[in-house]
Amino acid sequence: MSEVPAEHILAAIEEGQRMRGWIANSYAQVEYLLGDILMKSRGLVEYQGMVDRLPHRVDKRVSKVREIIAVDGFFSKHSDEIEAVISAFEAHHETRNLLAHGFCTAYHTPEGDFGLEFRKWHRAGDWDAEMKRTFRLIGLEYEKKQLVEVSKRALKLSFVIHDELGLVGP
């Protein structure tokens, strides 16, 4: 049995935290786009009175965007793509929430197996529970790639929407 050098463990921790940051950032990009759709809808006559304030909670923001795309108006032509982005975004909500708000502990074995465990207390219906999940670096890499792709898709959609609204310069 050999001992893993401390610098290898520190490098793995840093790599895991780097990917954690990419996951959080990609999620935030999509969350911003949802807010942007709501803010842009406030200036379009077909959505008047539908958005008084920007919802803070992401589930309420998603619901409000879904209300907007259900109305026959500017965003109708983008409803399939918006819904696809939302669906992919929602699929990663629990993971992002755990990574963003969870307590992180690094575990490793003398043989070199490594993982980051995230724990978070949360409300679950009428009771409270602890979420706990351990990610190996390959698992974090997978999550990162998934959310980066959703973020890219959302960014492309945002550009199209802004261009159609005349908000993109020559």
C-alpha atoms as a PDB file:
ATOM      1  CA  MET A   1       0.000   0.000   0.000  1.00  0.00           C
ATOM      2  CA  SER A   2       1.435   3.353  -1.050  1.00  0.00           C
ATOM      3  CA  GLU A   3       0.591   6.771   0.258  1.00  0.00           C
ATOM      4  CA  VAL A   4      -0.723   9.384  -2.193  1.00  0.00           C
ATOM      5  CA  PRO A   5       1.468  12.513  -2.131  1.00  0.00           C
ATOM      6  CA  ALA A   6      -0.209  15.512  -0.484  1.00  0.00           C
ATOM      7  CA  GLU A   7       0.265  17.640  -3.622  1.00  0.00           C
ATOM      8  CA  HIS A   8      -1.779  15.094  -5.627  1.00  0.00           C
ATOM      9  CA  ILE A   9      -4.609  15.302  -3.115  1.00  0.00           C
ATOM     10  CA  LEU A  10      -4.500  19.109  -3.150  1.00  0.00           C
ATOM     11  CA  ALA A  11      -4.498  19.109  -6.965  1.00  0.00           C
ATOM     12  CA  ALA A  12      -7.575  16.845  -6.983  1.00  0.00           C
ATOM     13  CA  ILE A  13      -9.355  19.107  -4.491  1.00  0.00           C
ATOM     14  CA  GLU A  14      -8.570  22.165  -6.604  1.00  0.00           C
ATOM     15  CA  GLU A  15      -9.740  20.423  -9.776  1.00  0.00           C
ATOM     16  CA  GLY A  16     -12.991  19.424  -8.100  1.00  0.00           C
ATOM     17  CA  GLN A  17     -13.566  22.970  -6.886  1.00  0.00           C
ATOM     18  CA  ARG A  18     -12.786  24.335 -10.363  1.00  0.00           C
ATOM     19  CA  MET A  19     -15.456  22.094 -11.868  1.00  0.00           C
ATOM     20  CA  ARG A  20     -17.840  23.061  -9.058  1.00  0.00           C
ATOM     21  CA  GLY A  21     -17.372  26.668 -10.147  1.00  0.00           C
ATOM     22  CA  TRP A  22     -18.093  25.853 -13.803  1.00  0.00           C
ATOM     23  CA  ILE A  23     -21.275  24.048 -12.775  1.00  0.00           C
ATOM     24  CA  ALA A  24     -22.459  26.990 -10.665  1.00  0.00           C
ATOM     25  CA  ASN A  25     -21.556  29.513 -13.364  1.00  0.00           C
ATOM     26  CA  SER A  26     -23.282  27.582 -16.147  1.00  0.00           C
ATOM     27  CA  TYR A  27     -26.424  27.242 -14.060  1.00  0.00           C
ATOM     28  CA  ALA A  28     -26.344  30.972 -13.312  1.00  0.00           C
ATOM     29  CA  GLN A  29     -26.084  31.785 -17.028  1.00  0.00           C
ATOM     30  CA  VAL A  30     -29.341  29.932 -17.693  1.00  0.00           C
ATOM     31  CA  GLU A  31     -31.012  31.425 -14.629  1.00  0.00           C
ATOM     32  CA  TYR A  32     -30.104  34.879 -15.941  1.00  0.00           C
ATOM     33  CA  LEU A  33     -31.577  34.107 -19.369  1.00  0.00           C
ATOM     34  CA  LEU A  34     -34.864  33.126 -17.740  1.00  0.00           C
ATOM     35  CA  GLY A  35     -34.912  36.437 -15.896  1.00  0.00           C
ATOM     36  CA  ASP A  36     -33.997  38.256 -19.099  1.00  0.00           C
ATOM     37  CA  ILE A  37     -36.963  36.695 -20.918  1.00  0.00           C
ATOM     38  CA  LEU A  38     -39.236  37.930 -18.149  1.00  0.00           C
ATOM     39  CA  MET A  39     -37.748  41.421 -18.162  1.00  0.00           C
ATOM     40  CA  LYS A  40     -37.996  41.689 -21.966  1.00  0.00           C
ATOM     41  CA  SER A  41     -41.604  40.458 -21.855  1.00  0.00           C
ATOM     42  CA  ARG A  42     -42.536  43.446 -19.689  1.00  0.00           C
ATOM     43  CA  GLY A  43     -41.904  45.703 -22.669  1.00  0.00           C
ATOM     44  CA  LEU A  44     -44.063  43.729 -25.104  1.00  0.00           C
ATOM     45  CA  VAL A  45     -47.764  44.518 -25.332  1.00  0.00           C
ATOM     46  CA  GLU A  46     -48.915  40.890 -25.511  1.00  0.00           C
ATOM     47  CA  TYR A  47     -47.425  40.205 -22.071  1.00  0.00           C
ATOM     48  CA  GLN A  48     -48.581  43.377 -20.306  1.00  0.00           C
ATOM     49  CA  GLY A  49     -49.447  42.771 -16.656  1.00  0.00           C
ATOM     50  CA  MET A  50     -47.980  39.267 -16.574  1.00  0.00           C
ATOM     51  CA  VAL A  51     -44.709  40.187 -14.859  1.00  0.00           C
ATOM     52  CA  ASP A  52     -44.891  42.717 -12.031  1.00  0.00           C
ATOM     53  CA  ARG A  53     -41.678  41.725 -10.287  1.00  0.00           C
ATOM     54  CA  LEU A  54     -38.922  39.340 -11.203  1.00  0.00           C
ATOM     55  CA  PRO A  55     -39.374  36.115  -9.208  1.00  0.00           C
ATOM     56  CA  HIS A  56     -36.364  35.434  -6.992  1.00  0.00           C
ATOM     57  CA  ARG A  57     -36.818  31.679  -6.551  1.00  0.00           C
ATOM     58  CA  VAL A  58     -35.800  29.711  -9.605  1.00  0.00           C
ATOM     59  CA  ASP A  59     -38.899  27.473  -9.584  1.00  0.00           C
ATOM     60  CA  LYS A  60     -41.143  30.542  -9.647  1.00  0.00           C
ATOM     61  CA  ARG A  61     -39.011  32.088 -12.393  1.00  0.00           C
ATOM     62  CA  VAL A  62     -39.360  28.925 -14.482  1.00  0.00           C
ATOM     63  CA  SER A  63     -43.137  28.877 -13.915  1.00  0.00           C
ATOM     64  CA  LYS A  64     -43.449  32.481 -14.990  1.00  0.00           C
ATOM     65  CA  VAL A  65     -41.387  31.883 -18.150  1.00  0.00           C
ATOM     66  CA  ARG A  66     -43.644  28.950 -18.960  1.00  0.00           C
ATOM     67  CA  GLU A  67     -46.664  31.256 -18.573  1.00  0.00           C
ATOM     68  CA  ILE A  68     -45.028  33.731 -20.961  1.00  0.00           C
ATOM     69  CA  ILE A  69     -44.281  31.157 -23.670  1.00  0.00           C
ATOM     70  CA  ALA A  70     -47.856  29.818 -23.420  1.00  0.00           C
ATOM     71  CA  VAL A  71     -49.175  33.187 -24.626  1.00  0.00           C
ATOM     72  CA  ASP A  72     -49.354  33.787 -28.372  1.00  0.00           C
ATOM     73  CA  GLY A  73     -46.719  36.468 -28.824  1.00  0.00           C
ATOM     74  CA  PHE A  74     -43.076  37.214 -29.536  1.00  0.00           C
ATOM     75  CA  PHE A  75     -41.701  34.325 -27.477  1.00  0.00           C
ATOM     76  CA  SER A  76     -44.052  31.752 -29.057  1.00  0.00           C
ATOM     77  CA  LYS A  77     -41.645  31.042 -31.920  1.00  0.00           C
ATOM     78  CA  HIS A  78     -38.941  30.238 -29.341  1.00  0.00           C
ATOM     79  CA  SER A  79     -41.122  28.200 -26.989  1.00  0.00           C
ATOM     80  CA  ASP A  80     -39.722  24.793 -28.007  1.00  0.00           C
ATOM     81  CA  GLU A  81     -36.133  25.917 -27.512  1.00  0.00           C
ATOM     82  CA  ILE A  82     -36.938  27.752 -24.276  1.00  0.00           C
ATOM     83  CA  GLU A  83     -38.704  24.644 -22.954  1.00  0.00           C
ATOM     84  CA  ALA A  84     -35.766  22.431 -23.984  1.00  0.00           C
ATOM     85  CA  VAL A  85     -33.354  24.718 -22.103  1.00  0.00           C
ATOM     86  CA  ILE A  86     -35.644  24.754 -19.055  1.00  0.00           C
ATOM     87  CA  SER A  87     -35.960  20.968 -19.042  1.00  0.00           C
ATOM     88  CA  ALA A  88     -32.190  20.455 -19.207  1.00  0.00           C
ATOM     89  CA  PHE A  89     -31.712  23.176 -16.579  1.00  0.00           C
ATOM     90  CA  GLU A  90     -34.235  21.596 -14.199  1.00  0.00           C
ATOM     91  CA  ALA A  91     -32.591  18.191 -14.552  1.00  0.00           C
ATOM     92  CA  HIS A  92     -29.497  19.635 -12.852  1.00  0.00           C
ATOM     93  CA  HIS A  93     -31.175  21.772 -10.200  1.00  0.00           C
ATOM     94  CA  GLU A  94     -30.676  19.407  -7.264  1.00  0.00           C
ATOM     95  CA  THR A  95     -27.015  18.789  -8.119  1.00  0.00           C
ATOM     96  CA  ARG A  96     -26.313  22.512  -8.564  1.00  0.00           C
ATOM     97  CA  ASN A  97     -28.091  23.302  -5.313  1.00  0.00           C
ATOM     98  CA  LEU A  98     -26.047  20.711  -3.426  1.00  0.00           C
ATOM     99  CA  LEU A  99     -22.765  21.897  -4.956  1.00  0.00           C
ATOM    100  CA  ALA A 100     -23.556  25.574  -4.384  1.00  0.00           C
ATOM    101  CA  HIS A 101     -24.785  25.274  -0.806  1.00  0.00           C
ATOM    102  CA  GLY A 102     -23.331  22.017   0.426  1.00  0.00           C
ATOM    103  CA  PHE A 103     -20.591  21.445   2.966  1.00  0.00           C
ATOM    104  CA  CYS A 104     -17.676  19.812   1.147  1.00  0.00           C
ATOM    105  CA  THR A 105     -15.339  17.134   2.489  1.00  0.00           C
ATOM    106  CA  ALA A 106     -12.531  15.549   0.478  1.00  0.00           C
ATOM    107  CA  TYR A 107     -11.969  11.825   0.880  1.00  0.00           C
ATOM    108  CA  HIS A 108      -9.146   9.741  -0.503  1.00  0.00           C
ATOM    109  CA  THR A 109      -7.677   6.304  -0.086  1.00  0.00           C
ATOM    110  CA  PRO A 110      -3.994   5.317   0.028  1.00  0.00           C
ATOM    111  CA  GLU A 111      -4.567   3.648  -3.357  1.00  0.00           C
ATOM    112  CA  GLY A 112      -5.542   6.988  -4.927  1.00  0.00           C
ATOM    113  CA  ASP A 113      -9.345   6.831  -5.031  1.00  0.00           C
ATOM    114  CA  PHE A 114     -10.667  10.341  -4.468  1.00  0.00           C
ATOM    115  CA  GLY A 115     -14.049  11.975  -4.023  1.00  0.00           C
ATOM    116  CA  LEU A 116     -15.685  15.140  -2.801  1.00  0.00           C
ATOM    117  CA  GLU A 117     -18.662  14.613  -0.530  1.00  0.00           C
ATOM    118  CA  PHE A 118     -21.290  17.356  -0.379  1.00  0.00           C
ATOM    119  CA  ARG A 119     -23.822  17.558   2.443  1.00  0.00           C
ATOM    120  CA  LYS A 120     -26.680  19.992   2.814  1.00  0.00           C
ATOM    121  CA  TRP A 121     -29.673  20.305   5.104  1.00  0.00           C
ATOM    122  CA  HIS A 122     -32.860  21.070   3.237  1.00  0.00           C
ATOM    123  CA  ARG A 123     -36.610  21.067   3.568  1.00  0.00           C
ATOM    124  CA  ALA A 124     -38.369  17.997   2.210  1.00  0.00           C
ATOM    125  CA  GLY A 125     -42.119  18.475   2.449  1.00  0.00           C
ATOM    126  CA  ASP A 126     -43.102  18.634   6.110  1.00  0.00           C
ATOM    127  CA  TRP A 127     -39.734  17.418   7.366  1.00  0.00           C
ATOM    128  CA  ASP A 128     -36.069  18.292   7.123  1.00  0.00           C
ATOM    129  CA  ALA A 129     -33.461  15.992   5.645  1.00  0.00           C
ATOM    130  CA  GLU A 130     -29.778  15.876   4.897  1.00  0.00           C
ATOM    131  CA  MET A 131     -28.770  15.545   1.266  1.00  0.00           C
ATOM    132  CA  LYS A 132     -25.474  13.763   0.840  1.00  0.00           C
ATOM    133  CA  ARG A 133     -23.644  12.838  -2.346  1.00  0.00           C
ATOM    134  CA  THR A 134     -20.061  11.985  -3.198  1.00  0.00           C
ATOM    135  CA  PHE A 135     -18.601  12.865  -6.582  1.00  0.00           C
ATOM    136  CA  ARG A 136     -15.475  11.443  -8.078  1.00  0.00           C
ATOM    137  CA  LEU A 137     -13.745  13.875 -10.436  1.00  0.00           C
ATOM    138  CA  ILE A 138     -15.148  12.038 -13.462  1.00  0.00           C
ATOM    139  CA  GLY A 139     -18.675  12.605 -12.099  1.00  0.00           C
ATOM    140  CA  LEU A 140     -18.061  16.317 -11.611  1.00  0.00           C
ATOM    141  CA  GLU A 141     -16.617  16.501 -15.121  1.00  0.00           C
ATOM    142  CA  TYR A 142     -19.789  14.895 -16.485  1.00  0.00           C
ATOM    143  CA  GLU A 143     -22.029  17.346 -14.599  1.00  0.00           C
ATOM    144  CA  LYS A 144     -19.873  20.256 -15.766  1.00  0.00           C
ATOM    145  CA  LYS A 145     -20.070  19.221 -19.418  1.00  0.00           C
ATOM    146  CA  GLN A 146     -23.840  18.815 -19.217  1.00  0.00           C
ATOM    147  CA  LEU A 147     -24.417  22.254 -17.711  1.00  0.00           C
ATOM    148  CA  VAL A 148     -21.888  23.993 -19.948  1.00  0.00           C
ATOM    149  CA  GLU A 149     -23.809  22.647 -22.963  1.00  0.00           C
ATOM    150  CA  VAL A 150     -27.118  23.903 -21.541  1.00  0.00           C
ATOM    151  CA  SER A 151     -25.472  27.263 -20.885  1.00  0.00           C
ATOM    152  CA  LYS A 152     -24.162  27.460 -24.459  1.00  0.00           C
ATOM    153  CA  ARG A 153     -27.599  26.636 -25.788  1.00  0.00           C
ATOM    154  CA  ALA A 154     -29.159  29.321 -23.585  1.00  0.00           C
ATOM    155  CA  LEU A 155     -26.562  31.877 -24.676  1.00  0.00           C
ATOM    156  CA  LYS A 156     -27.247  31.159 -28.345  1.00  0.00           C
ATOM    157  CA  LEU A 157     -30.976  31.527 -27.713  1.00  0.00           C
ATOM    158  CA  SER A 158     -30.382  34.780 -25.842  1.00  0.00           C
ATOM    159  CA  PHE A 159     -28.452  36.182 -28.794  1.00  0.00           C
ATOM    160  CA  VAL A 160     -31.257  35.235 -31.210  1.00  0.00           C
ATOM    161  CA  ILE A 161     -33.898  36.833 -28.970  1.00  0.00           C
ATOM    162  CA  HIS A 162     -31.866  40.015 -28.497  1.00  0.00           C
ATOM    163  CA  ASP A 163     -31.161  40.206 -32.224  1.00  0.00           C
ATOM    164  CA  GLU A 164     -34.867  39.853 -33.078  1.00  0.00           C
ATOM    165  CA  LEU A 165     -35.706  42.552 -30.525  1.00  0.00           C
ATOM    166  CA  GLY A 166     -33.191  44.865 -32.212  1.00  0.00           C
ATOM    167  CA  LEU A 167     -30.877  44.877 -29.210  1.00  0.00           C
ATOM    168  CA  VAL A 168     -27.789  43.617 -31.044  1.00  0.00           C
ATOM    169  CA  GLY A 169     -25.714  46.227 -32.810  1.00  0.00           C
ATOM    170  CA  PRO A 170     -24.275  45.899 -36.318  1.00  0.00           C
END
